[in-house]
Amino acid sequence: MEMQREDIPYIEKDLEAEANIAQHIAYYRIAGSSEIENFRSPDAYVFIFFERNSGWHAIDFVKYEEKDLQVHISFPGQIHSWSSGARARGHKLIISKYFVDKYLFEVDFLKLQLNEHAVLDITREHFDELESDLKRIAAELSNKNIKWDIVSLRAGLIIRLIDYLIKDKVLLEAQLGPVKPVIQQFNQLLDEHFHTEKKVSFYADKLAITPNYLNILCKDVYSETAKQLINKWVVLEAKRLLCGSPLSVKEISYTLEFSSVAAFSDYVKEHTGYSPKQWRENSLVLADA
């Protein structure tokens, strides 16, 4: 017999607790309707495994339809809004960035600086396989003396299975060829310096190549120039800070090292069509535009 909805904790409960997880791994059962606007992810990776679901989930201002048999993947610092229906059922696994960096550094999709596979459709067979390990993690975490090595091993198995599923999806859809080492280095440099360095020449010099060759490589892999990718990173971080932090527009402009608030405002409007104030006040509406 199906449990009554009031007997199951809602998905939105304990968001504050989730941001301060102990031992770097946490599990929550999720069920029922919920909604939230502009929730900034903690310094952790969050994996939601939906057996049943309906509604929508916006991840960094890109809206996805919520459906049955999905995995939703959140990277640290991303901005989330969602509206989930009453039929939602599933599991949430939270793994700290520290744990990922130390123990899961070889997992390919976690090396990406941008979350390119935020929502993954899976089969019933794969869901059952994932759920089996999730239930074992939940059972172990309910023990008085938790065997953290067992929990860590099971969490690692789950993440590695997701990695295989993503690789299968990429091969099936033939979306990307092999990513060249120079592009991987470019992404790493972007992650380190995009707040302060916005010129292609800076990254080309670091990579010991010409700006033109860096543009050719970026176009080959991403169908965008290096400058377009730099702008994408800066704009995304600007929107994250506008919608998911208490910083003023002036403070954000200084954080991203613009020469003035006016320069920052002009930049955001040039690349999004809207001012920082409009993003802060109407982020969900503008994300749909």
C-alpha atoms as a PDB file:
ATOM      1  CA  MET A   1       0.000   0.000   0.000  1.00  0.00           C
ATOM      2  CA  GLU A   2       1.325   3.445  -0.892  1.00  0.00           C
ATOM      3  CA  MET A   3       2.202   5.658   2.055  1.00  0.00           C
ATOM      4  CA  GLN A   4       0.079   8.717   2.598  1.00  0.00           C
ATOM      5  CA  ARG A   5       1.808  11.862   1.430  1.00  0.00           C
ATOM      6  CA  GLU A   6       1.696  13.463   4.884  1.00  0.00           C
ATOM      7  CA  ASP A   7       3.822  10.597   6.241  1.00  0.00           C
ATOM      8  CA  ILE A   8       6.756  11.417   3.945  1.00  0.00           C
ATOM      9  CA  PRO A   9       9.046  14.440   4.347  1.00  0.00           C
ATOM     10  CA  TYR A  10       8.742  17.010   1.575  1.00  0.00           C
ATOM     11  CA  ILE A  11      11.628  17.691  -0.742  1.00  0.00           C
ATOM     12  CA  GLU A  12      12.163  21.253   0.421  1.00  0.00           C
ATOM     13  CA  LYS A  13      12.741  20.372   4.088  1.00  0.00           C
ATOM     14  CA  ASP A  14      16.167  20.745   5.696  1.00  0.00           C
ATOM     15  CA  LEU A  15      17.750  22.796   2.911  1.00  0.00           C
ATOM     16  CA  GLU A  16      19.759  24.653   5.544  1.00  0.00           C
ATOM     17  CA  ALA A  17      20.891  21.390   7.104  1.00  0.00           C
ATOM     18  CA  GLU A  18      21.916  20.078   3.712  1.00  0.00           C
ATOM     19  CA  ALA A  19      24.332  22.970   3.347  1.00  0.00           C
ATOM     20  CA  ASN A  20      26.191  21.780   6.459  1.00  0.00           C
ATOM     21  CA  ILE A  21      26.358  18.025   5.972  1.00  0.00           C
ATOM     22  CA  ALA A  22      28.514  15.941   8.281  1.00  0.00           C
ATOM     23  CA  GLN A  23      31.119  13.439   7.065  1.00  0.00           C
ATOM     24  CA  HIS A  24      30.713  14.777   3.498  1.00  0.00           C
ATOM     25  CA  ILE A  25      27.835  12.442   2.498  1.00  0.00           C
ATOM     26  CA  ALA A  26      24.125  12.832   3.276  1.00  0.00           C
ATOM     27  CA  TYR A  27      20.950  11.089   2.153  1.00  0.00           C
ATOM     28  CA  TYR A  28      17.328  12.303   2.163  1.00  0.00           C
ATOM     29  CA  ARG A  29      14.174  10.606   1.017  1.00  0.00           C
ATOM     30  CA  ILE A  30      12.002  13.015  -0.966  1.00  0.00           C
ATOM     31  CA  ALA A  31       8.306  13.040  -1.763  1.00  0.00           C
ATOM     32  CA  GLY A  32       5.408  15.384  -2.362  1.00  0.00           C
ATOM     33  CA  SER A  33       4.920  18.795  -3.865  1.00  0.00           C
ATOM     34  CA  SER A  34       7.365  21.629  -3.298  1.00  0.00           C
ATOM     35  CA  GLU A  35       8.595  24.817  -4.864  1.00  0.00           C
ATOM     36  CA  ILE A  36      11.400  27.258  -4.321  1.00  0.00           C
ATOM     37  CA  GLU A  37      12.952  30.205  -6.131  1.00  0.00           C
ATOM     38  CA  ASN A  38      16.643  31.024  -6.541  1.00  0.00           C
ATOM     39  CA  PHE A  39      18.144  28.526  -4.087  1.00  0.00           C
ATOM     40  CA  ARG A  40      21.948  28.580  -4.309  1.00  0.00           C
ATOM     41  CA  SER A  41      23.510  25.129  -4.070  1.00  0.00           C
ATOM     42  CA  PRO A  42      25.850  24.494  -1.135  1.00  0.00           C
ATOM     43  CA  ASP A  43      29.530  23.676  -1.632  1.00  0.00           C
ATOM     44  CA  ALA A  44      28.550  20.155  -2.630  1.00  0.00           C
ATOM     45  CA  TYR A  45      27.256  18.015  -5.478  1.00  0.00           C
ATOM     46  CA  VAL A  46      23.575  17.118  -5.200  1.00  0.00           C
ATOM     47  CA  PHE A  47      22.008  14.161  -7.010  1.00  0.00           C
ATOM     48  CA  ILE A  48      18.224  13.738  -7.050  1.00  0.00           C
ATOM     49  CA  PHE A  49      16.899  10.391  -8.275  1.00  0.00           C
ATOM     50  CA  PHE A  50      13.243  10.689  -9.273  1.00  0.00           C
ATOM     51  CA  GLU A  51      11.184   7.545  -9.611  1.00  0.00           C
ATOM     52  CA  ARG A  52       8.087   9.641 -10.243  1.00  0.00           C
ATOM     53  CA  ASN A  53       7.805  13.332 -10.820  1.00  0.00           C
ATOM     54  CA  SER A  54       6.076  16.145 -12.702  1.00  0.00           C
ATOM     55  CA  GLY A  55       6.693  19.868 -12.851  1.00  0.00           C
ATOM     56  CA  TRP A  56       9.836  21.807 -13.753  1.00  0.00           C
ATOM     57  CA  HIS A  57      13.327  22.478 -12.457  1.00  0.00           C
ATOM     58  CA  ALA A  58      15.439  25.472 -13.516  1.00  0.00           C
ATOM     59  CA  ILE A  59      19.201  24.966 -13.127  1.00  0.00           C
ATOM     60  CA  ASP A  60      21.300  28.078 -13.706  1.00  0.00           C
ATOM     61  CA  PHE A  61      18.286  29.656 -15.434  1.00  0.00           C
ATOM     62  CA  VAL A  62      17.728  26.783 -17.864  1.00  0.00           C
ATOM     63  CA  LYS A  63      14.320  25.170 -17.305  1.00  0.00           C
ATOM     64  CA  TYR A  64      13.899  21.389 -17.553  1.00  0.00           C
ATOM     65  CA  GLU A  65      10.707  19.366 -17.492  1.00  0.00           C
ATOM     66  CA  GLU A  66      10.499  17.030 -14.500  1.00  0.00           C
ATOM     67  CA  LYS A  67       9.528  13.503 -15.523  1.00  0.00           C
ATOM     68  CA  ASP A  68       9.564   9.954 -14.208  1.00  0.00           C
ATOM     69  CA  LEU A  69      12.905   8.124 -14.030  1.00  0.00           C
ATOM     70  CA  GLN A  70      15.340  11.014 -14.045  1.00  0.00           C
ATOM     71  CA  VAL A  71      18.547  12.007 -12.303  1.00  0.00           C
ATOM     72  CA  HIS A  72      18.966  15.736 -11.604  1.00  0.00           C
ATOM     73  CA  ILE A  73      22.578  16.771 -11.013  1.00  0.00           C
ATOM     74  CA  SER A  74      23.653  19.959  -9.246  1.00  0.00           C
ATOM     75  CA  PHE A  75      27.191  21.344  -9.105  1.00  0.00           C
ATOM     76  CA  PRO A  76      28.395  23.577  -6.230  1.00  0.00           C
ATOM     77  CA  GLY A  77      27.093  27.145  -6.387  1.00  0.00           C
ATOM     78  CA  GLN A  78      24.426  26.648  -9.037  1.00  0.00           C
ATOM     79  CA  ILE A  79      21.128  28.513  -8.791  1.00  0.00           C
ATOM     80  CA  HIS A  80      17.940  26.428  -8.620  1.00  0.00           C
ATOM     81  CA  SER A  81      14.240  27.108  -8.844  1.00  0.00           C
ATOM     82  CA  TRP A  82      11.633  24.390  -9.048  1.00  0.00           C
ATOM     83  CA  SER A  83       7.972  23.510  -8.824  1.00  0.00           C
ATOM     84  CA  SER A  84       7.406  19.790  -8.262  1.00  0.00           C
ATOM     85  CA  GLY A  85       4.026  18.058  -8.229  1.00  0.00           C
ATOM     86  CA  ALA A  86       2.467  16.042  -5.423  1.00  0.00           C
ATOM     87  CA  ARG A  87       3.347  12.736  -7.081  1.00  0.00           C
ATOM     88  CA  ALA A  88       7.098  13.296  -6.738  1.00  0.00           C
ATOM     89  CA  ARG A  89       8.966  10.356  -5.201  1.00  0.00           C
ATOM     90  CA  GLY A  90      12.675   9.702  -5.045  1.00  0.00           C
ATOM     91  CA  HIS A  91      15.983  10.075  -3.251  1.00  0.00           C
ATOM     92  CA  LYS A  92      18.554  12.822  -2.734  1.00  0.00           C
ATOM     93  CA  LEU A  93      22.263  12.171  -2.280  1.00  0.00           C
ATOM     94  CA  ILE A  94      24.583  15.019  -1.298  1.00  0.00           C
ATOM     95  CA  ILE A  95      28.348  14.657  -1.593  1.00  0.00           C
ATOM     96  CA  SER A  96      30.711  17.427  -0.526  1.00  0.00           C
ATOM     97  CA  LYS A  97      33.118  19.031  -2.971  1.00  0.00           C
ATOM     98  CA  TYR A  98      35.946  17.959  -0.670  1.00  0.00           C
ATOM     99  CA  PHE A  99      34.930  14.297  -0.974  1.00  0.00           C
ATOM    100  CA  VAL A 100      34.608  14.544  -4.763  1.00  0.00           C
ATOM    101  CA  ASP A 101      37.983  16.268  -5.136  1.00  0.00           C
ATOM    102  CA  LYS A 102      39.715  13.692  -2.919  1.00  0.00           C
ATOM    103  CA  TYR A 103      38.040  10.413  -3.850  1.00  0.00           C
ATOM    104  CA  LEU A 104      36.182  10.886  -7.143  1.00  0.00           C
ATOM    105  CA  PHE A 105      38.676  13.030  -9.043  1.00  0.00           C
ATOM    106  CA  GLU A 106      38.851  10.488 -11.897  1.00  0.00           C
ATOM    107  CA  VAL A 107      35.107  10.680 -12.662  1.00  0.00           C
ATOM    108  CA  ASP A 108      34.908  12.493 -15.984  1.00  0.00           C
ATOM    109  CA  PHE A 109      31.662  14.465 -15.717  1.00  0.00           C
ATOM    110  CA  LEU A 110      32.710  15.862 -12.329  1.00  0.00           C
ATOM    111  CA  LYS A 111      35.852  17.306 -13.936  1.00  0.00           C
ATOM    112  CA  LEU A 112      33.735  19.594 -16.115  1.00  0.00           C
ATOM    113  CA  GLN A 113      33.665  23.192 -15.010  1.00  0.00           C
ATOM    114  CA  LEU A 114      30.133  23.648 -16.359  1.00  0.00           C
ATOM    115  CA  ASN A 115      27.284  21.246 -15.620  1.00  0.00           C
ATOM    116  CA  GLU A 116      26.612  19.940 -19.138  1.00  0.00           C
ATOM    117  CA  HIS A 117      24.353  17.053 -18.074  1.00  0.00           C
ATOM    118  CA  ALA A 118      22.082  18.569 -15.449  1.00  0.00           C
ATOM    119  CA  VAL A 119      19.143  16.226 -16.155  1.00  0.00           C
ATOM    120  CA  LEU A 120      19.582  12.622 -17.215  1.00  0.00           C
ATOM    121  CA  ASP A 121      16.769  10.312 -18.325  1.00  0.00           C
ATOM    122  CA  ILE A 122      17.357   6.721 -17.190  1.00  0.00           C
ATOM    123  CA  THR A 123      15.723   3.320 -17.591  1.00  0.00           C
ATOM    124  CA  ARG A 124      13.704   1.504 -14.950  1.00  0.00           C
ATOM    125  CA  GLU A 125      16.509  -1.044 -14.680  1.00  0.00           C
ATOM    126  CA  HIS A 126      19.106   1.625 -13.959  1.00  0.00           C
ATOM    127  CA  PHE A 127      16.835   3.368 -11.460  1.00  0.00           C
ATOM    128  CA  ASP A 128      16.346   0.106  -9.566  1.00  0.00           C
ATOM    129  CA  GLU A 129      20.108  -0.452  -9.531  1.00  0.00           C
ATOM    130  CA  LEU A 130      20.758   3.055  -8.193  1.00  0.00           C
ATOM    131  CA  GLU A 131      17.925   2.836  -5.673  1.00  0.00           C
ATOM    132  CA  SER A 132      19.303  -0.407  -4.266  1.00  0.00           C
ATOM    133  CA  ASP A 133      22.570   1.299  -3.283  1.00  0.00           C
ATOM    134  CA  LEU A 134      20.756   4.428  -2.084  1.00  0.00           C
ATOM    135  CA  LYS A 135      18.604   2.363   0.269  1.00  0.00           C
ATOM    136  CA  ARG A 136      21.707   0.628   1.609  1.00  0.00           C
ATOM    137  CA  ILE A 137      23.303   4.045   2.247  1.00  0.00           C
ATOM    138  CA  ALA A 138      20.129   5.173   4.044  1.00  0.00           C
ATOM    139  CA  ALA A 139      20.132   2.026   6.181  1.00  0.00           C
ATOM    140  CA  GLU A 140      23.786   2.463   7.123  1.00  0.00           C
ATOM    141  CA  LEU A 141      23.311   6.138   7.984  1.00  0.00           C
ATOM    142  CA  SER A 142      20.483   5.167  10.340  1.00  0.00           C
ATOM    143  CA  ASN A 143      22.846   3.013  12.422  1.00  0.00           C
ATOM    144  CA  LYS A 144      24.281   4.282  15.683  1.00  0.00           C
ATOM    145  CA  ASN A 145      27.826   3.412  14.627  1.00  0.00           C
ATOM    146  CA  ILE A 146      27.996   4.348  10.967  1.00  0.00           C
ATOM    147  CA  LYS A 147      30.546   2.532   8.809  1.00  0.00           C
ATOM    148  CA  TRP A 148      31.634   5.531   6.756  1.00  0.00           C
ATOM    149  CA  ASP A 149      33.943   3.471   4.569  1.00  0.00           C
ATOM    150  CA  ILE A 150      30.939   1.415   3.394  1.00  0.00           C
ATOM    151  CA  VAL A 151      28.875   4.557   2.819  1.00  0.00           C
ATOM    152  CA  SER A 152      31.738   6.086   0.821  1.00  0.00           C
ATOM    153  CA  LEU A 153      32.146   2.988  -1.338  1.00  0.00           C
ATOM    154  CA  ARG A 154      28.430   2.852  -2.153  1.00  0.00           C
ATOM    155  CA  ALA A 155      28.331   6.583  -2.931  1.00  0.00           C
ATOM    156  CA  GLY A 156      31.313   6.107  -5.243  1.00  0.00           C
ATOM    157  CA  LEU A 157      29.573   3.257  -7.056  1.00  0.00           C
ATOM    158  CA  ILE A 158      26.501   5.419  -7.624  1.00  0.00           C
ATOM    159  CA  ILE A 159      28.540   8.313  -9.050  1.00  0.00           C
ATOM    160  CA  ARG A 160      30.524   6.000 -11.321  1.00  0.00           C
ATOM    161  CA  LEU A 161      27.324   4.461 -12.695  1.00  0.00           C
ATOM    162  CA  ILE A 162      26.026   7.961 -13.464  1.00  0.00           C
ATOM    163  CA  ASP A 163      29.323   8.676 -15.239  1.00  0.00           C
ATOM    164  CA  TYR A 164      28.846   5.596 -17.445  1.00  0.00           C
ATOM    165  CA  LEU A 165      25.252   6.593 -18.217  1.00  0.00           C
ATOM    166  CA  ILE A 166      26.373  10.081 -19.262  1.00  0.00           C
ATOM    167  CA  LYS A 167      29.105   8.641 -21.490  1.00  0.00           C
ATOM    168  CA  ASP A 168      26.560   6.324 -23.120  1.00  0.00           C
ATOM    169  CA  LYS A 169      24.276   9.296 -23.739  1.00  0.00           C
ATOM    170  CA  VAL A 170      27.063  11.351 -25.316  1.00  0.00           C
ATOM    171  CA  LEU A 171      28.094   8.477 -27.584  1.00  0.00           C
ATOM    172  CA  LEU A 172      24.499   7.772 -28.568  1.00  0.00           C
ATOM    173  CA  GLU A 173      23.748  11.354 -29.485  1.00  0.00           C
ATOM    174  CA  ALA A 174      27.211  11.943 -30.961  1.00  0.00           C
ATOM    175  CA  GLN A 175      27.213  15.400 -29.402  1.00  0.00           C
ATOM    176  CA  LEU A 176      30.915  15.778 -28.740  1.00  0.00           C
ATOM    177  CA  GLY A 177      34.163  14.378 -29.989  1.00  0.00           C
ATOM    178  CA  PRO A 178      37.150  13.871 -27.705  1.00  0.00           C
ATOM    179  CA  VAL A 179      37.956  17.050 -25.791  1.00  0.00           C
ATOM    180  CA  LYS A 180      41.466  18.175 -26.612  1.00  0.00           C
ATOM    181  CA  PRO A 181      43.909  18.569 -23.683  1.00  0.00           C
ATOM    182  CA  VAL A 182      44.377  22.269 -24.514  1.00  0.00           C
ATOM    183  CA  ILE A 183      40.625  22.827 -24.134  1.00  0.00           C
ATOM    184  CA  GLN A 184      40.652  21.030 -20.789  1.00  0.00           C
ATOM    185  CA  GLN A 185      43.467  23.346 -19.673  1.00  0.00           C
ATOM    186  CA  PHE A 186      41.531  26.346 -20.983  1.00  0.00           C
ATOM    187  CA  ASN A 187      38.513  25.326 -18.899  1.00  0.00           C
ATOM    188  CA  GLN A 188      40.716  25.001 -15.816  1.00  0.00           C
ATOM    189  CA  LEU A 189      42.200  28.432 -16.413  1.00  0.00           C
ATOM    190  CA  LEU A 190      38.725  29.880 -16.905  1.00  0.00           C
ATOM    191  CA  ASP A 191      37.631  28.428 -13.586  1.00  0.00           C
ATOM    192  CA  GLU A 192      40.594  30.063 -11.850  1.00  0.00           C
ATOM    193  CA  HIS A 193      40.684  33.446 -13.570  1.00  0.00           C
ATOM    194  CA  PHE A 194      37.363  34.400 -15.193  1.00  0.00           C
ATOM    195  CA  HIS A 195      36.536  36.774 -12.318  1.00  0.00           C
ATOM    196  CA  THR A 196      39.556  38.901 -13.168  1.00  0.00           C
ATOM    197  CA  GLU A 197      40.682  38.047 -16.706  1.00  0.00           C
ATOM    198  CA  LYS A 198      38.275  38.545 -19.598  1.00  0.00           C
ATOM    199  CA  LYS A 199      40.650  38.786 -22.572  1.00  0.00           C
ATOM    200  CA  VAL A 200      41.365  35.846 -24.888  1.00  0.00           C
ATOM    201  CA  SER A 201      45.030  36.861 -25.079  1.00  0.00           C
ATOM    202  CA  PHE A 202      45.521  36.162 -21.350  1.00  0.00           C
ATOM    203  CA  TYR A 203      44.420  32.533 -21.718  1.00  0.00           C
ATOM    204  CA  ALA A 204      46.243  32.040 -25.011  1.00  0.00           C
ATOM    205  CA  ASP A 205      49.495  33.249 -23.412  1.00  0.00           C
ATOM    206  CA  LYS A 206      49.025  30.839 -20.491  1.00  0.00           C
ATOM    207  CA  LEU A 207      48.495  28.000 -22.980  1.00  0.00           C
ATOM    208  CA  ALA A 208      51.432  29.081 -25.156  1.00  0.00           C
ATOM    209  CA  ILE A 209      49.256  29.339 -28.267  1.00  0.00           C
ATOM    210  CA  THR A 210      47.888  32.241 -30.323  1.00  0.00           C
ATOM    211  CA  PRO A 211      44.442  33.715 -29.592  1.00  0.00           C
ATOM    212  CA  ASN A 212      43.381  32.738 -33.116  1.00  0.00           C
ATOM    213  CA  TYR A 213      44.310  29.071 -32.558  1.00  0.00           C
ATOM    214  CA  LEU A 214      42.484  29.051 -29.216  1.00  0.00           C
ATOM    215  CA  ASN A 215      39.401  30.357 -31.014  1.00  0.00           C
ATOM    216  CA  ILE A 216      39.712  27.620 -33.642  1.00  0.00           C
ATOM    217  CA  LEU A 217      39.895  24.911 -30.948  1.00  0.00           C
ATOM    218  CA  CYS A 218      36.914  26.343 -29.060  1.00  0.00           C
ATOM    219  CA  LYS A 219      34.854  26.559 -32.239  1.00  0.00           C
ATOM    220  CA  ASP A 220      35.724  22.955 -33.062  1.00  0.00           C
ATOM    221  CA  VAL A 221      34.647  21.622 -29.653  1.00  0.00           C
ATOM    222  CA  TYR A 222      31.915  24.035 -28.536  1.00  0.00           C
ATOM    223  CA  SER A 223      30.879  25.868 -31.728  1.00  0.00           C
ATOM    224  CA  GLU A 224      31.674  29.107 -29.876  1.00  0.00           C
ATOM    225  CA  THR A 225      34.718  31.369 -29.805  1.00  0.00           C
ATOM    226  CA  ALA A 226      36.949  31.648 -26.766  1.00  0.00           C
ATOM    227  CA  LYS A 227      35.587  35.135 -26.115  1.00  0.00           C
ATOM    228  CA  GLN A 228      32.005  33.851 -26.228  1.00  0.00           C
ATOM    229  CA  LEU A 229      32.909  31.170 -23.669  1.00  0.00           C
ATOM    230  CA  ILE A 230      34.590  33.708 -21.391  1.00  0.00           C
ATOM    231  CA  ASN A 231      31.517  35.928 -21.593  1.00  0.00           C
ATOM    232  CA  LYS A 232      29.276  32.936 -20.862  1.00  0.00           C
ATOM    233  CA  TRP A 233      31.170  32.189 -17.640  1.00  0.00           C
ATOM    234  CA  VAL A 234      31.132  35.825 -16.495  1.00  0.00           C
ATOM    235  CA  VAL A 235      27.432  36.308 -17.294  1.00  0.00           C
ATOM    236  CA  LEU A 236      26.466  33.065 -15.556  1.00  0.00           C
ATOM    237  CA  GLU A 237      28.354  34.030 -12.397  1.00  0.00           C
ATOM    238  CA  ALA A 238      26.801  37.500 -12.524  1.00  0.00           C
ATOM    239  CA  LYS A 239      23.309  35.982 -12.701  1.00  0.00           C
ATOM    240  CA  ARG A 240      24.141  33.523  -9.900  1.00  0.00           C
ATOM    241  CA  LEU A 241      25.275  36.352  -7.623  1.00  0.00           C
ATOM    242  CA  LEU A 242      22.353  38.606  -8.553  1.00  0.00           C
ATOM    243  CA  CYS A 243      19.769  35.910  -7.905  1.00  0.00           C
ATOM    244  CA  GLY A 244      21.398  33.810  -5.193  1.00  0.00           C
ATOM    245  CA  SER A 245      23.390  36.167  -2.973  1.00  0.00           C
ATOM    246  CA  PRO A 246      22.710  39.217  -0.790  1.00  0.00           C
ATOM    247  CA  LEU A 247      25.503  41.204  -2.460  1.00  0.00           C
ATOM    248  CA  SER A 248      24.522  44.561  -3.907  1.00  0.00           C
ATOM    249  CA  VAL A 249      24.965  45.272  -7.618  1.00  0.00           C
ATOM    250  CA  LYS A 250      27.926  47.467  -6.687  1.00  0.00           C
ATOM    251  CA  GLU A 251      29.535  44.662  -4.669  1.00  0.00           C
ATOM    252  CA  ILE A 252      28.992  42.172  -7.488  1.00  0.00           C
ATOM    253  CA  SER A 253      30.565  44.527 -10.025  1.00  0.00           C
ATOM    254  CA  TYR A 254      33.645  44.773  -7.782  1.00  0.00           C
ATOM    255  CA  THR A 255      33.694  40.994  -7.196  1.00  0.00           C
ATOM    256  CA  LEU A 256      33.839  40.443 -10.946  1.00  0.00           C
ATOM    257  CA  GLU A 257      36.392  43.273 -11.227  1.00  0.00           C
ATOM    258  CA  PHE A 258      34.535  45.639 -13.517  1.00  0.00           C
ATOM    259  CA  SER A 259      35.835  49.194 -13.592  1.00  0.00           C
ATOM    260  CA  SER A 260      32.502  50.598 -12.427  1.00  0.00           C
ATOM    261  CA  VAL A 261      28.907  49.697 -11.685  1.00  0.00           C
ATOM    262  CA  ALA A 262      27.929  51.300 -14.978  1.00  0.00           C
ATOM    263  CA  ALA A 263      30.403  49.115 -16.886  1.00  0.00           C
ATOM    264  CA  PHE A 264      29.023  46.006 -15.174  1.00  0.00           C
ATOM    265  CA  SER A 265      25.422  47.006 -15.868  1.00  0.00           C
ATOM    266  CA  ASP A 266      26.198  47.689 -19.529  1.00  0.00           C
ATOM    267  CA  TYR A 267      27.960  44.321 -19.821  1.00  0.00           C
ATOM    268  CA  VAL A 268      25.039  42.366 -18.346  1.00  0.00           C
ATOM    269  CA  LYS A 269      22.517  44.188 -20.509  1.00  0.00           C
ATOM    270  CA  GLU A 270      24.649  43.714 -23.641  1.00  0.00           C
ATOM    271  CA  HIS A 271      24.921  39.952 -23.132  1.00  0.00           C
ATOM    272  CA  THR A 272      21.468  39.171 -21.731  1.00  0.00           C
ATOM    273  CA  GLY A 273      19.223  41.983 -22.913  1.00  0.00           C
ATOM    274  CA  TYR A 274      18.323  42.914 -19.327  1.00  0.00           C
ATOM    275  CA  SER A 275      19.821  45.024 -16.560  1.00  0.00           C
ATOM    276  CA  PRO A 276      21.185  43.578 -13.276  1.00  0.00           C
ATOM    277  CA  LYS A 277      18.169  45.031 -11.472  1.00  0.00           C
ATOM    278  CA  GLN A 278      15.778  43.270 -13.855  1.00  0.00           C
ATOM    279  CA  TRP A 279      17.574  39.944 -13.309  1.00  0.00           C
ATOM    280  CA  ARG A 280      17.423  40.335  -9.534  1.00  0.00           C
ATOM    281  CA  GLU A 281      13.714  41.110  -9.553  1.00  0.00           C
ATOM    282  CA  ASN A 282      12.458  38.822 -12.342  1.00  0.00           C
ATOM    283  CA  SER A 283      14.960  35.974 -12.811  1.00  0.00           C
ATOM    284  CA  LEU A 284      12.360  33.239 -13.415  1.00  0.00           C
ATOM    285  CA  VAL A 285      10.458  35.310 -15.977  1.00  0.00           C
ATOM    286  CA  LEU A 286      13.642  36.319 -17.792  1.00  0.00           C
ATOM    287  CA  ALA A 287      14.964  32.727 -17.830  1.00  0.00           C
ATOM    288  CA  ASP A 288      11.863  31.768 -19.826  1.00  0.00           C
ATOM    289  CA  ALA A 289      12.226  34.664 -22.234  1.00  0.00           C
END
